[in-house]
């Protein structure tokens, strides 16, 4: 299977100007030719970030609409096995690597699917490198 696992941290950098990065732009551009996979918690995590940002006036209603439109138009497949893995492999990874269960879910999907992971999360980057999981678009 081709593609990569997409972390919320990268996707949110597309929605907030102050979070933009060259790496996130490369990942977004890559989605023109491949598909991202996300754990089933991703839509809720994204919705929470956007909702909180709007509530704190960090994002206007029109900016929120643009972000939603962008994210919904992207080739992103939501993994259907995330919940089944939560109390098994995901919990084990969280415990072993001192990760939140949320971050461990991204790692678990990447390992199970044999895909690289796109993330801007510093702690998760250290763990995926230690586990031998490639960082998407990095060597």
N, C-alpha and C. Protein backbone atom coordinates (compact mmCIF):
# COMPACT_ATOMS: atom_id res chain seq x y z
N UNK A 1 0.85 -1.19 0.00
CA UNK A 1 0.00 0.00 0.00
C UNK A 1 0.89 1.24 0.00
N UNK A 2 0.51 2.24 -0.73
CA UNK A 2 1.25 3.48 -0.74
C UNK A 2 0.55 4.49 0.15
N UNK A 3 1.23 5.56 0.44
CA UNK A 3 0.66 6.61 1.26
C UNK A 3 1.45 6.79 2.54
N UNK A 4 0.80 7.40 3.51
CA UNK A 4 1.45 7.68 4.78
C UNK A 4 0.39 7.93 5.84
N UNK A 5 0.80 7.87 7.09
CA UNK A 5 -0.08 8.20 8.21
C UNK A 5 0.10 9.68 8.49
N UNK A 6 -1.00 10.39 8.62
CA UNK A 6 -0.99 11.83 8.83
C UNK A 6 -1.38 12.16 10.26
N UNK A 7 -0.48 12.84 10.96
CA UNK A 7 -0.73 13.29 12.32
C UNK A 7 -1.51 14.60 12.30
N UNK A 8 -2.31 14.82 13.30
CA UNK A 8 -3.09 16.05 13.42
C UNK A 8 -2.19 17.29 13.43
N UNK A 9 -0.99 17.18 14.00
CA UNK A 9 -0.11 18.34 14.10
C UNK A 9 0.25 18.90 12.73
N UNK A 10 0.43 18.05 11.75
CA UNK A 10 0.74 18.50 10.39
C UNK A 10 -0.51 19.10 9.75
N UNK A 11 -1.62 18.42 9.86
CA UNK A 11 -2.86 18.90 9.25
C UNK A 11 -3.27 20.26 9.81
N UNK A 12 -3.07 20.46 11.09
CA UNK A 12 -3.46 21.74 11.69
C UNK A 12 -2.55 22.88 11.24
N UNK A 13 -1.35 22.56 10.83
CA UNK A 13 -0.46 23.63 10.34
C UNK A 13 -0.97 24.19 9.02
N UNK A 14 -1.83 23.47 8.32
CA UNK A 14 -2.45 23.97 7.09
C UNK A 14 -3.58 24.94 7.39
N UNK A 15 -4.05 24.92 8.62
CA UNK A 15 -5.22 25.72 8.99
C UNK A 15 -4.88 26.99 9.76
N UNK A 16 -3.66 27.09 10.25
CA UNK A 16 -3.25 28.23 11.06
C UNK A 16 -1.96 28.82 10.48
N UNK A 17 -2.02 30.07 10.10
CA UNK A 17 -0.85 30.72 9.48
C UNK A 17 0.39 30.66 10.37
N UNK A 18 0.21 30.83 11.67
CA UNK A 18 1.36 30.84 12.57
C UNK A 18 1.95 29.45 12.81
N UNK A 19 1.29 28.42 12.31
CA UNK A 19 1.78 27.04 12.43
C UNK A 19 2.37 26.52 11.13
N UNK A 20 2.32 27.33 10.08
CA UNK A 20 2.80 26.89 8.75
C UNK A 20 4.27 26.51 8.80
N UNK A 21 4.64 25.53 7.96
CA UNK A 21 6.04 25.12 7.87
C UNK A 21 6.30 24.56 6.47
N UNK A 22 7.55 24.59 6.09
CA UNK A 22 7.93 24.03 4.79
C UNK A 22 7.62 22.54 4.74
N UNK A 23 7.84 21.85 5.86
CA UNK A 23 7.55 20.41 5.90
C UNK A 23 6.06 20.15 5.68
N UNK A 24 5.21 20.89 6.38
CA UNK A 24 3.76 20.70 6.23
C UNK A 24 3.32 21.00 4.80
N UNK A 25 3.93 22.02 4.19
CA UNK A 25 3.60 22.33 2.80
C UNK A 25 3.98 21.19 1.86
N UNK A 26 5.13 20.55 2.11
CA UNK A 26 5.54 19.40 1.30
C UNK A 26 4.56 18.24 1.45
N UNK A 27 4.12 18.01 2.67
CA UNK A 27 3.16 16.93 2.92
C UNK A 27 1.85 17.22 2.20
N UNK A 28 1.38 18.44 2.30
CA UNK A 28 0.13 18.81 1.62
C UNK A 28 0.27 18.63 0.11
N UNK A 29 1.38 19.07 -0.44
CA UNK A 29 1.62 18.92 -1.87
C UNK A 29 1.66 17.45 -2.28
N UNK A 30 2.23 16.60 -1.43
CA UNK A 30 2.32 15.17 -1.72
C UNK A 30 0.95 14.51 -1.82
N UNK A 31 -0.04 15.09 -1.15
CA UNK A 31 -1.39 14.51 -1.18
C UNK A 31 -2.05 14.62 -2.55
N UNK A 32 -1.41 15.33 -3.47
CA UNK A 32 -1.94 15.37 -4.84
C UNK A 32 -1.73 14.04 -5.54
N UNK A 33 -0.78 13.24 -5.03
CA UNK A 33 -0.46 11.98 -5.70
C UNK A 33 -0.54 10.74 -4.84
N UNK A 34 -1.00 10.87 -3.61
CA UNK A 34 -1.09 9.72 -2.73
C UNK A 34 -2.21 9.93 -1.72
N UNK A 35 -2.35 8.99 -0.82
CA UNK A 35 -3.42 9.03 0.18
C UNK A 35 -2.83 9.03 1.58
N UNK A 36 -3.46 9.75 2.48
CA UNK A 36 -3.08 9.70 3.89
C UNK A 36 -4.04 8.78 4.63
N UNK A 37 -3.53 8.16 5.67
CA UNK A 37 -4.34 7.33 6.55
C UNK A 37 -4.27 7.97 7.93
N UNK A 38 -5.40 8.00 8.61
CA UNK A 38 -5.45 8.57 9.95
C UNK A 38 -6.20 7.61 10.87
N UNK A 39 -5.83 7.59 12.16
CA UNK A 39 -6.63 6.79 13.10
C UNK A 39 -8.01 7.41 13.25
N UNK A 40 -8.96 6.61 13.70
CA UNK A 40 -10.34 7.09 13.77
C UNK A 40 -10.53 8.23 14.75
N UNK A 41 -9.57 8.50 15.62
CA UNK A 41 -9.68 9.63 16.53
C UNK A 41 -9.36 10.96 15.84
N UNK A 42 -8.73 10.90 14.66
CA UNK A 42 -8.28 12.10 13.96
C UNK A 42 -9.38 13.12 13.71
N UNK A 43 -10.54 12.73 13.17
CA UNK A 43 -11.58 13.74 12.94
C UNK A 43 -12.02 14.45 14.23
N UNK A 44 -12.06 13.72 15.34
CA UNK A 44 -12.43 14.34 16.61
C UNK A 44 -11.32 15.27 17.12
N UNK A 45 -10.09 14.85 16.96
CA UNK A 45 -8.96 15.68 17.37
C UNK A 45 -8.93 16.98 16.56
N UNK A 46 -9.12 16.86 15.25
CA UNK A 46 -9.16 18.03 14.37
C UNK A 46 -10.33 18.93 14.75
N UNK A 47 -11.50 18.36 14.94
CA UNK A 47 -12.68 19.15 15.31
C UNK A 47 -12.46 19.88 16.62
N UNK A 48 -11.81 19.24 17.57
CA UNK A 48 -11.55 19.88 18.86
C UNK A 48 -10.60 21.07 18.70
N UNK A 49 -9.51 20.88 17.96
CA UNK A 49 -8.55 21.97 17.75
C UNK A 49 -9.24 23.16 17.08
N UNK A 50 -10.02 22.89 16.05
CA UNK A 50 -10.70 23.96 15.32
C UNK A 50 -11.74 24.66 16.20
N UNK A 51 -12.49 23.88 16.95
CA UNK A 51 -13.51 24.44 17.84
C UNK A 51 -12.90 25.33 18.91
N UNK A 52 -11.85 24.86 19.54
CA UNK A 52 -11.17 25.64 20.58
C UNK A 52 -10.57 26.91 19.99
N UNK A 53 -9.97 26.79 18.82
CA UNK A 53 -9.38 27.96 18.17
C UNK A 53 -10.43 29.02 17.85
N UNK A 54 -11.59 28.59 17.39
CA UNK A 54 -12.65 29.56 17.11
C UNK A 54 -13.16 30.19 18.40
N UNK A 55 -13.34 29.38 19.43
CA UNK A 55 -13.83 29.88 20.71
C UNK A 55 -12.87 30.92 21.31
N UNK A 56 -11.57 30.71 21.10
CA UNK A 56 -10.55 31.63 21.63
C UNK A 56 -10.22 32.77 20.66
N UNK A 57 -11.01 32.87 19.61
CA UNK A 57 -10.85 33.92 18.58
C UNK A 57 -9.50 33.85 17.87
N UNK A 58 -8.95 32.65 17.76
CA UNK A 58 -7.73 32.44 16.99
C UNK A 58 -8.06 32.12 15.53
N UNK A 59 -9.33 31.84 15.29
CA UNK A 59 -9.81 31.45 13.97
C UNK A 59 -11.19 32.06 13.79
N UNK A 60 -11.38 32.76 12.69
CA UNK A 60 -12.70 33.33 12.41
C UNK A 60 -13.61 32.24 11.83
N UNK A 61 -14.88 32.53 11.75
CA UNK A 61 -15.84 31.59 11.17
C UNK A 61 -15.48 31.27 9.73
N UNK A 62 -15.06 32.28 8.97
CA UNK A 62 -14.70 32.04 7.57
C UNK A 62 -13.41 31.22 7.46
N UNK A 63 -12.47 31.46 8.36
CA UNK A 63 -11.24 30.65 8.37
C UNK A 63 -11.55 29.20 8.74
N UNK A 64 -12.46 29.02 9.67
CA UNK A 64 -12.88 27.68 10.06
C UNK A 64 -13.52 26.96 8.88
N UNK A 65 -14.37 27.65 8.15
CA UNK A 65 -15.02 27.07 6.98
C UNK A 65 -13.99 26.67 5.93
N UNK A 66 -13.00 27.55 5.68
CA UNK A 66 -11.94 27.23 4.72
C UNK A 66 -11.15 26.01 5.15
N UNK A 67 -10.84 25.92 6.44
CA UNK A 67 -10.07 24.77 6.95
C UNK A 67 -10.85 23.48 6.75
N UNK A 68 -12.12 23.50 7.09
CA UNK A 68 -12.96 22.30 6.93
C UNK A 68 -13.05 21.91 5.46
N UNK A 69 -13.25 22.87 4.59
CA UNK A 69 -13.34 22.60 3.16
C UNK A 69 -12.05 21.96 2.65
N UNK A 70 -10.92 22.51 3.06
CA UNK A 70 -9.63 21.94 2.66
C UNK A 70 -9.49 20.51 3.14
N UNK A 71 -9.72 20.28 4.42
CA UNK A 71 -9.51 18.94 4.99
C UNK A 71 -10.45 17.91 4.37
N UNK A 72 -11.69 18.30 4.13
CA UNK A 72 -12.64 17.35 3.55
C UNK A 72 -12.34 17.02 2.10
N UNK A 73 -11.62 17.89 1.42
CA UNK A 73 -11.31 17.66 0.00
C UNK A 73 -10.07 16.77 -0.18
N UNK A 74 -9.32 16.54 0.87
CA UNK A 74 -8.07 15.78 0.76
C UNK A 74 -8.32 14.28 0.75
N UNK A 75 -7.44 13.52 0.09
CA UNK A 75 -7.57 12.06 0.07
C UNK A 75 -7.07 11.45 1.39
N UNK A 76 -7.94 11.48 2.39
CA UNK A 76 -7.61 10.97 3.72
C UNK A 76 -8.55 9.82 4.05
N UNK A 77 -7.97 8.68 4.34
CA UNK A 77 -8.76 7.49 4.72
C UNK A 77 -8.70 7.32 6.23
N UNK A 78 -9.85 7.21 6.84
CA UNK A 78 -9.93 6.99 8.28
C UNK A 78 -9.84 5.49 8.56
N UNK A 79 -8.86 5.12 9.37
CA UNK A 79 -8.65 3.71 9.73
C UNK A 79 -9.83 3.20 10.55
N UNK A 80 -10.32 2.04 10.20
CA UNK A 80 -11.49 1.49 10.90
C UNK A 80 -11.13 0.55 12.05
N UNK A 81 -9.85 0.27 12.23
CA UNK A 81 -9.44 -0.67 13.26
C UNK A 81 -8.85 0.00 14.51
N UNK A 82 -8.82 1.32 14.53
CA UNK A 82 -8.21 2.03 15.66
C UNK A 82 -8.81 1.63 16.99
N UNK A 83 -10.11 1.61 17.09
CA UNK A 83 -10.77 1.28 18.37
C UNK A 83 -10.45 -0.15 18.80
N UNK A 84 -10.38 -1.08 17.85
CA UNK A 84 -10.07 -2.47 18.19
C UNK A 84 -8.66 -2.63 18.74
N UNK A 85 -7.77 -1.73 18.35
CA UNK A 85 -6.37 -1.80 18.79
C UNK A 85 -6.12 -1.03 20.09
N UNK A 86 -7.09 -0.22 20.52
CA UNK A 86 -6.89 0.72 21.62
C UNK A 86 -6.40 0.07 22.91
N UNK A 87 -7.04 -0.99 23.34
CA UNK A 87 -6.68 -1.61 24.62
C UNK A 87 -5.62 -2.69 24.47
N UNK A 88 -5.13 -2.88 23.26
CA UNK A 88 -4.07 -3.85 23.00
C UNK A 88 -2.80 -3.17 22.56
N UNK A 89 -2.56 -3.19 21.27
CA UNK A 89 -1.31 -2.67 20.71
C UNK A 89 -1.11 -1.19 21.02
N UNK A 90 -2.16 -0.39 20.92
CA UNK A 90 -2.01 1.05 21.15
C UNK A 90 -1.64 1.35 22.60
N UNK A 91 -2.32 0.72 23.52
CA UNK A 91 -2.00 0.91 24.94
C UNK A 91 -0.58 0.44 25.24
N UNK A 92 -0.18 -0.68 24.66
CA UNK A 92 1.19 -1.18 24.87
C UNK A 92 2.22 -0.18 24.37
N UNK A 93 1.98 0.39 23.18
CA UNK A 93 2.91 1.38 22.64
C UNK A 93 2.95 2.64 23.51
N UNK A 94 1.79 3.07 24.00
CA UNK A 94 1.74 4.25 24.86
C UNK A 94 2.55 4.02 26.13
N UNK A 95 2.38 2.86 26.72
CA UNK A 95 3.10 2.54 27.96
C UNK A 95 4.60 2.39 27.71
N UNK A 96 4.95 1.69 26.66
CA UNK A 96 6.36 1.43 26.36
C UNK A 96 7.14 2.70 26.04
N UNK A 97 6.49 3.65 25.37
CA UNK A 97 7.19 4.83 24.89
C UNK A 97 6.77 6.13 25.59
N UNK A 98 6.00 6.02 26.66
CA UNK A 98 5.53 7.19 27.42
C UNK A 98 4.81 8.19 26.51
N UNK A 99 3.92 7.68 25.67
CA UNK A 99 3.13 8.50 24.76
C UNK A 99 1.70 8.61 25.27
N UNK A 100 0.99 9.64 24.82
CA UNK A 100 -0.45 9.65 25.05
C UNK A 100 -1.05 8.52 24.20
N UNK A 101 -2.21 8.07 24.57
CA UNK A 101 -2.87 7.04 23.76
C UNK A 101 -3.16 7.58 22.37
N UNK A 102 -3.39 8.89 22.27
CA UNK A 102 -3.68 9.50 20.97
C UNK A 102 -2.45 9.39 20.06
N UNK A 103 -1.29 9.79 20.57
CA UNK A 103 -0.07 9.70 19.75
C UNK A 103 0.27 8.24 19.45
N UNK A 104 0.05 7.37 20.41
CA UNK A 104 0.31 5.95 20.19
C UNK A 104 -0.58 5.38 19.09
N UNK A 105 -1.78 5.94 18.92
CA UNK A 105 -2.67 5.47 17.86
C UNK A 105 -2.07 5.74 16.49
N UNK A 106 -1.44 6.90 16.32
CA UNK A 106 -0.77 7.19 15.04
C UNK A 106 0.37 6.20 14.80
N UNK A 107 1.15 5.95 15.84
CA UNK A 107 2.26 5.01 15.73
C UNK A 107 1.75 3.61 15.41
N UNK A 108 0.69 3.19 16.07
CA UNK A 108 0.12 1.86 15.85
C UNK A 108 -0.35 1.69 14.41
N UNK A 109 -1.04 2.69 13.87
CA UNK A 109 -1.51 2.60 12.48
C UNK A 109 -0.33 2.51 11.53
N UNK A 110 0.69 3.34 11.76
CA UNK A 110 1.88 3.31 10.90
C UNK A 110 2.54 1.94 10.93
N UNK A 111 2.67 1.36 12.11
CA UNK A 111 3.30 0.04 12.23
C UNK A 111 2.44 -1.03 11.55
N UNK A 112 1.15 -1.02 11.83
CA UNK A 112 0.25 -2.05 11.27
C UNK A 112 0.15 -1.95 9.75
N UNK A 113 0.10 -0.73 9.24
CA UNK A 113 -0.05 -0.52 7.80
C UNK A 113 1.29 -0.53 7.06
N UNK A 114 2.40 -0.48 7.81
CA UNK A 114 3.72 -0.44 7.18
C UNK A 114 3.95 0.84 6.41
N UNK A 115 3.50 1.96 7.00
CA UNK A 115 3.57 3.25 6.33
C UNK A 115 4.43 4.23 7.13
N UNK A 116 5.05 5.19 6.44
CA UNK A 116 5.74 6.26 7.15
C UNK A 116 4.72 7.18 7.81
N UNK A 117 5.19 7.97 8.75
CA UNK A 117 4.31 8.85 9.50
C UNK A 117 4.73 10.31 9.30
N UNK A 118 3.78 11.17 9.00
CA UNK A 118 4.03 12.60 8.88
C UNK A 118 3.58 13.26 10.18
N UNK A 119 4.53 13.84 10.90
CA UNK A 119 4.21 14.51 12.16
C UNK A 119 5.13 15.68 12.39
N UNK A 120 4.63 16.66 13.15
CA UNK A 120 5.44 17.78 13.59
C UNK A 120 5.64 17.72 15.10
N UNK A 121 5.15 16.67 15.72
CA UNK A 121 5.23 16.49 17.17
C UNK A 121 6.63 15.97 17.52
N UNK A 122 7.38 16.75 18.28
CA UNK A 122 8.78 16.43 18.58
C UNK A 122 8.93 15.11 19.33
N UNK A 123 8.10 14.89 20.33
CA UNK A 123 8.20 13.65 21.10
C UNK A 123 7.85 12.44 20.22
N UNK A 124 6.81 12.56 19.43
CA UNK A 124 6.42 11.46 18.55
C UNK A 124 7.49 11.19 17.51
N UNK A 125 8.13 12.24 17.01
CA UNK A 125 9.24 12.06 16.05
C UNK A 125 10.35 11.21 16.65
N UNK A 126 10.72 11.48 17.89
CA UNK A 126 11.77 10.71 18.55
C UNK A 126 11.39 9.24 18.65
N UNK A 127 10.14 8.99 19.02
CA UNK A 127 9.68 7.61 19.20
C UNK A 127 9.61 6.87 17.88
N UNK A 128 9.06 7.49 16.84
CA UNK A 128 8.94 6.76 15.58
C UNK A 128 10.32 6.46 15.00
N UNK A 129 11.26 7.38 15.17
CA UNK A 129 12.63 7.11 14.71
C UNK A 129 13.23 5.96 15.50
N UNK A 130 13.02 5.93 16.81
CA UNK A 130 13.54 4.85 17.65
C UNK A 130 12.92 3.50 17.29
N UNK A 131 11.68 3.53 16.81
CA UNK A 131 10.98 2.30 16.43
C UNK A 131 11.28 1.89 14.99
N UNK A 132 12.05 2.70 14.28
CA UNK A 132 12.38 2.37 12.90
C UNK A 132 11.29 2.69 11.90
N UNK A 133 10.33 3.50 12.31
CA UNK A 133 9.27 3.93 11.40
C UNK A 133 9.79 5.15 10.64
N UNK A 134 9.73 5.14 9.32
CA UNK A 134 10.21 6.31 8.59
C UNK A 134 9.31 7.52 8.81
N UNK A 135 9.95 8.69 8.85
CA UNK A 135 9.23 9.95 8.88
C UNK A 135 8.94 10.31 7.42
N UNK A 136 7.68 10.55 7.13
CA UNK A 136 7.30 10.83 5.75
C UNK A 136 8.04 12.04 5.20
N UNK A 137 8.62 11.90 4.02
CA UNK A 137 9.35 12.93 3.30
C UNK A 137 10.62 13.41 4.01
N UNK A 138 11.15 12.59 4.92
CA UNK A 138 12.42 12.88 5.55
C UNK A 138 13.27 11.62 5.50
N UNK A 139 14.56 11.81 5.53
CA UNK A 139 15.45 10.64 5.50
C UNK A 139 15.94 10.31 6.88
